[in-house]
Amino acid sequence: MRFFWTFFWSLLLVEMLAYVVSSMTGAQFDYVSAAVISVVVSILIMVLAAVVPNQPAEKH
């Protein structure tokens, strides 16, 4: 379920970001390229979550 929500929120936020940036620059909004970027962002977030340890540090 967490993979679904990760993909859902990354799709939503990246699409929103792509729309705003394309509107500000005067470029045409492209849904497919923003969707591909959101898939890449989702994969990076999932890899980052797998790499970061869960245990707290014993000494700082």
Protein backbone atom coordinates (compact mmCIF):
# COMPACT_ATOMS: atom_id res chain seq x y z
CA MET A 1 0.00 0.00 0.00
CA ARG A 2 2.87 2.39 0.73
CA PHE A 3 4.14 1.93 -2.84
CA PHE A 4 0.76 2.99 -4.19
CA TRP A 5 0.64 6.11 -2.05
CA THR A 6 4.23 6.97 -2.89
CA PHE A 7 3.44 6.75 -6.59
CA PHE A 8 0.14 8.60 -6.17
CA TRP A 9 1.65 11.58 -4.35
CA SER A 10 4.71 11.78 -6.56
CA LEU A 11 2.48 11.70 -9.66
CA LEU A 12 0.24 14.41 -8.23
CA LEU A 13 3.06 16.69 -7.09
CA VAL A 14 5.24 16.27 -10.19
CA GLU A 15 2.29 16.87 -12.51
CA MET A 16 1.40 20.01 -10.55
CA LEU A 17 5.01 21.21 -10.67
CA ALA A 18 5.27 20.52 -14.41
CA TYR A 19 2.03 22.40 -15.07
CA VAL A 20 3.10 25.44 -13.08
CA VAL A 21 6.58 25.56 -14.59
CA SER A 22 5.27 25.13 -18.13
CA SER A 23 2.75 27.91 -17.55
CA MET A 24 5.40 30.24 -16.18
CA THR A 25 7.81 29.61 -19.05
CA GLY A 26 5.14 29.67 -21.75
CA ALA A 27 5.88 26.10 -22.84
CA GLN A 28 3.27 23.50 -23.69
CA PHE A 29 2.28 21.17 -20.82
CA ASP A 30 3.20 17.55 -21.54
CA TYR A 31 1.46 15.00 -19.31
CA VAL A 32 3.51 12.00 -20.48
CA SER A 33 6.92 13.47 -19.73
CA ALA A 34 5.75 14.58 -16.28
CA ALA A 35 4.36 11.08 -15.64
CA VAL A 36 7.70 9.51 -16.58
CA ILE A 37 9.51 11.90 -14.25
CA SER A 38 7.09 11.01 -11.45
CA VAL A 39 7.80 7.29 -11.93
CA VAL A 40 11.53 8.02 -11.66
CA VAL A 41 10.93 10.12 -8.54
CA SER A 42 8.85 7.30 -7.01
CA ILE A 43 11.61 4.78 -7.65
CA LEU A 44 14.23 7.10 -6.15
CA ILE A 45 12.09 7.63 -3.04
CA MET A 46 11.59 3.87 -2.60
CA VAL A 47 15.32 3.18 -3.03
CA LEU A 48 16.18 5.93 -0.59
CA ALA A 49 13.73 4.51 1.95
CA ALA A 50 15.33 1.07 1.59
CA VAL A 51 18.88 2.41 2.01
CA VAL A 52 18.33 4.64 5.05
CA PRO A 53 18.64 2.61 8.27
CA ASN A 54 15.69 2.38 10.67
CA GLN A 55 17.67 2.03 13.92
CA PRO A 56 18.58 5.19 15.83
CA ALA A 57 22.26 6.06 16.19
CA GLU A 58 23.83 4.89 19.45
CA LYS A 59 26.40 7.69 19.68
CA HIS A 60 26.57 11.05 18.03
